[in-house]
Amino acid sequence: MAVYQCPGCDYRIDTAVGDSSEGFAPGFDWDAEVPEDWFCPDCGVRDKVDFDQIS
C-alpha cells in the first residue's frame, strides 16, 4: 500500500484506506484504477503523474 500527496495543496490519498468520495475503495491499485487524467479533488492539480508518493 502507498500514500500519494498532491504537490499543490497537500491532499493525501492512502491506497490502504481509499477515498469513497472519489470512488476508490480501500486497497485500490493506484496504477491500475486511477485514470491518468484524474485530478486533485481539493485544488484541481491536473494529472496523476504530478502526485508524489510519500510512503
N, C-alpha and C. Protein backbone atom coordinates (compact mmCIF):
# COMPACT_ATOMS: atom_id res chain seq x y z
N MET A 1 0.83 -1.18 0.00
CA MET A 1 0.00 0.00 0.00
C MET A 1 0.88 1.25 0.00
N ALA A 2 0.33 2.35 -0.47
CA ALA A 2 1.11 3.57 -0.60
C ALA A 2 0.23 4.79 -0.33
N VAL A 3 0.88 5.90 -0.02
CA VAL A 3 0.21 7.18 0.17
C VAL A 3 0.76 8.15 -0.87
N TYR A 4 -0.16 8.84 -1.54
CA TYR A 4 0.22 9.83 -2.55
C TYR A 4 -0.27 11.19 -2.10
N GLN A 5 0.56 12.22 -2.38
CA GLN A 5 0.25 13.58 -1.92
C GLN A 5 0.25 14.54 -3.09
N CYS A 6 -0.71 15.45 -3.08
CA CYS A 6 -0.79 16.50 -4.09
C CYS A 6 0.28 17.55 -3.81
N PRO A 7 1.02 17.95 -4.81
CA PRO A 7 2.04 18.97 -4.59
C PRO A 7 1.47 20.38 -4.44
N GLY A 8 0.21 20.55 -4.78
CA GLY A 8 -0.39 21.88 -4.71
C GLY A 8 -1.02 22.21 -3.38
N CYS A 9 -1.63 21.21 -2.73
CA CYS A 9 -2.38 21.52 -1.51
C CYS A 9 -2.18 20.51 -0.39
N ASP A 10 -1.36 19.53 -0.61
CA ASP A 10 -1.07 18.51 0.40
C ASP A 10 -2.22 17.52 0.64
N TYR A 11 -3.23 17.48 -0.25
CA TYR A 11 -4.25 16.42 -0.18
C TYR A 11 -3.52 15.09 -0.27
N ARG A 12 -3.92 14.14 0.56
CA ARG A 12 -3.30 12.81 0.56
C ARG A 12 -4.35 11.75 0.31
N ILE A 13 -3.95 10.75 -0.43
CA ILE A 13 -4.80 9.59 -0.65
C ILE A 13 -4.00 8.34 -0.35
N ASP A 14 -4.53 7.55 0.54
CA ASP A 14 -3.88 6.33 1.01
C ASP A 14 -4.55 5.15 0.32
N THR A 15 -3.80 4.36 -0.41
CA THR A 15 -4.39 3.24 -1.14
C THR A 15 -4.96 2.19 -0.19
N ALA A 16 -4.45 2.10 1.02
CA ALA A 16 -4.98 1.14 2.00
C ALA A 16 -6.35 1.56 2.50
N VAL A 17 -6.58 2.86 2.60
CA VAL A 17 -7.82 3.40 3.15
C VAL A 17 -8.83 3.70 2.05
N GLY A 18 -8.35 4.16 0.89
CA GLY A 18 -9.24 4.56 -0.20
C GLY A 18 -9.80 5.95 0.03
N ASP A 19 -10.71 6.34 -0.84
CA ASP A 19 -11.41 7.63 -0.74
C ASP A 19 -12.77 7.42 -1.37
N SER A 20 -13.77 7.14 -0.55
CA SER A 20 -15.10 6.81 -1.07
C SER A 20 -15.72 7.97 -1.86
N SER A 21 -15.41 9.20 -1.49
CA SER A 21 -15.97 10.34 -2.22
C SER A 21 -15.42 10.44 -3.64
N GLU A 22 -14.25 9.84 -3.87
CA GLU A 22 -13.65 9.82 -5.20
C GLU A 22 -13.88 8.49 -5.91
N GLY A 23 -14.53 7.55 -5.22
CA GLY A 23 -14.84 6.27 -5.83
C GLY A 23 -13.74 5.22 -5.72
N PHE A 24 -12.81 5.41 -4.79
CA PHE A 24 -11.72 4.46 -4.61
C PHE A 24 -11.93 3.68 -3.31
N ALA A 25 -12.10 2.38 -3.46
CA ALA A 25 -12.32 1.50 -2.30
C ALA A 25 -11.00 1.24 -1.58
N PRO A 26 -11.06 0.89 -0.31
CA PRO A 26 -9.84 0.51 0.41
C PRO A 26 -9.10 -0.60 -0.34
N GLY A 27 -7.78 -0.44 -0.43
CA GLY A 27 -6.95 -1.43 -1.12
C GLY A 27 -6.89 -1.24 -2.62
N PHE A 28 -7.33 -0.08 -3.12
CA PHE A 28 -7.31 0.13 -4.57
C PHE A 28 -5.88 0.19 -5.11
N ASP A 29 -5.75 -0.08 -6.40
CA ASP A 29 -4.45 -0.08 -7.08
C ASP A 29 -4.26 1.26 -7.78
N TRP A 30 -3.31 2.04 -7.31
CA TRP A 30 -3.05 3.38 -7.86
C TRP A 30 -2.78 3.34 -9.36
N ASP A 31 -1.93 2.43 -9.79
CA ASP A 31 -1.55 2.36 -11.20
C ASP A 31 -2.69 1.89 -12.09
N ALA A 32 -3.45 0.91 -11.65
CA ALA A 32 -4.48 0.32 -12.49
C ALA A 32 -5.85 1.01 -12.40
N GLU A 33 -6.18 1.58 -11.27
CA GLU A 33 -7.53 2.09 -11.06
C GLU A 33 -7.68 3.61 -11.12
N VAL A 34 -6.59 4.34 -11.02
CA VAL A 34 -6.68 5.81 -11.06
C VAL A 34 -6.38 6.25 -12.50
N PRO A 35 -7.35 6.89 -13.15
CA PRO A 35 -7.13 7.34 -14.53
C PRO A 35 -5.99 8.35 -14.63
N GLU A 36 -5.31 8.36 -15.74
CA GLU A 36 -4.18 9.28 -15.94
C GLU A 36 -4.61 10.74 -15.85
N ASP A 37 -5.86 11.04 -16.20
CA ASP A 37 -6.33 12.43 -16.16
C ASP A 37 -7.07 12.78 -14.87
N TRP A 38 -6.97 11.90 -13.87
CA TRP A 38 -7.58 12.19 -12.56
C TRP A 38 -6.89 13.40 -11.96
N PHE A 39 -7.63 14.24 -11.29
CA PHE A 39 -7.05 15.45 -10.68
C PHE A 39 -7.41 15.54 -9.21
N CYS A 40 -6.65 16.36 -8.50
CA CYS A 40 -6.85 16.55 -7.07
C CYS A 40 -8.26 17.08 -6.80
N PRO A 41 -9.02 16.41 -5.91
CA PRO A 41 -10.37 16.89 -5.61
C PRO A 41 -10.40 18.17 -4.77
N ASP A 42 -9.28 18.53 -4.16
CA ASP A 42 -9.24 19.74 -3.32
C ASP A 42 -8.82 20.98 -4.09
N CYS A 43 -7.79 20.86 -4.93
CA CYS A 43 -7.28 22.07 -5.59
C CYS A 43 -7.27 22.00 -7.12
N GLY A 44 -7.53 20.82 -7.68
CA GLY A 44 -7.61 20.70 -9.13
C GLY A 44 -6.30 20.49 -9.85
N VAL A 45 -5.20 20.22 -9.13
CA VAL A 45 -3.93 19.92 -9.80
C VAL A 45 -4.21 18.79 -10.78
N ARG A 46 -3.84 18.99 -12.01
CA ARG A 46 -4.14 18.02 -13.05
C ARG A 46 -3.09 16.93 -13.11
N ASP A 47 -3.50 15.79 -13.55
CA ASP A 47 -2.63 14.66 -13.86
C ASP A 47 -2.10 13.92 -12.64
N LYS A 48 -2.42 12.67 -12.62
CA LYS A 48 -1.98 11.76 -11.58
C LYS A 48 -0.46 11.75 -11.44
N VAL A 49 0.25 11.93 -12.52
CA VAL A 49 1.71 11.89 -12.51
C VAL A 49 2.31 12.98 -11.62
N ASP A 50 1.57 14.05 -11.36
CA ASP A 50 2.07 15.14 -10.53
C ASP A 50 2.09 14.79 -9.04
N PHE A 51 1.32 13.77 -8.64
CA PHE A 51 1.28 13.39 -7.23
C PHE A 51 2.58 12.73 -6.81
N ASP A 52 2.99 13.00 -5.57
CA ASP A 52 4.22 12.43 -5.03
C ASP A 52 3.87 11.24 -4.14
N GLN A 53 4.59 10.14 -4.34
CA GLN A 53 4.43 9.01 -3.43
C GLN A 53 5.25 9.32 -2.19
N ILE A 54 4.58 9.36 -1.02
CA ILE A 54 5.30 9.73 0.20
C ILE A 54 5.49 8.54 1.14
N SER A 55 4.87 7.43 0.84
CA SER A 55 5.13 6.21 1.63
C SER A 55 4.66 5.01 0.85
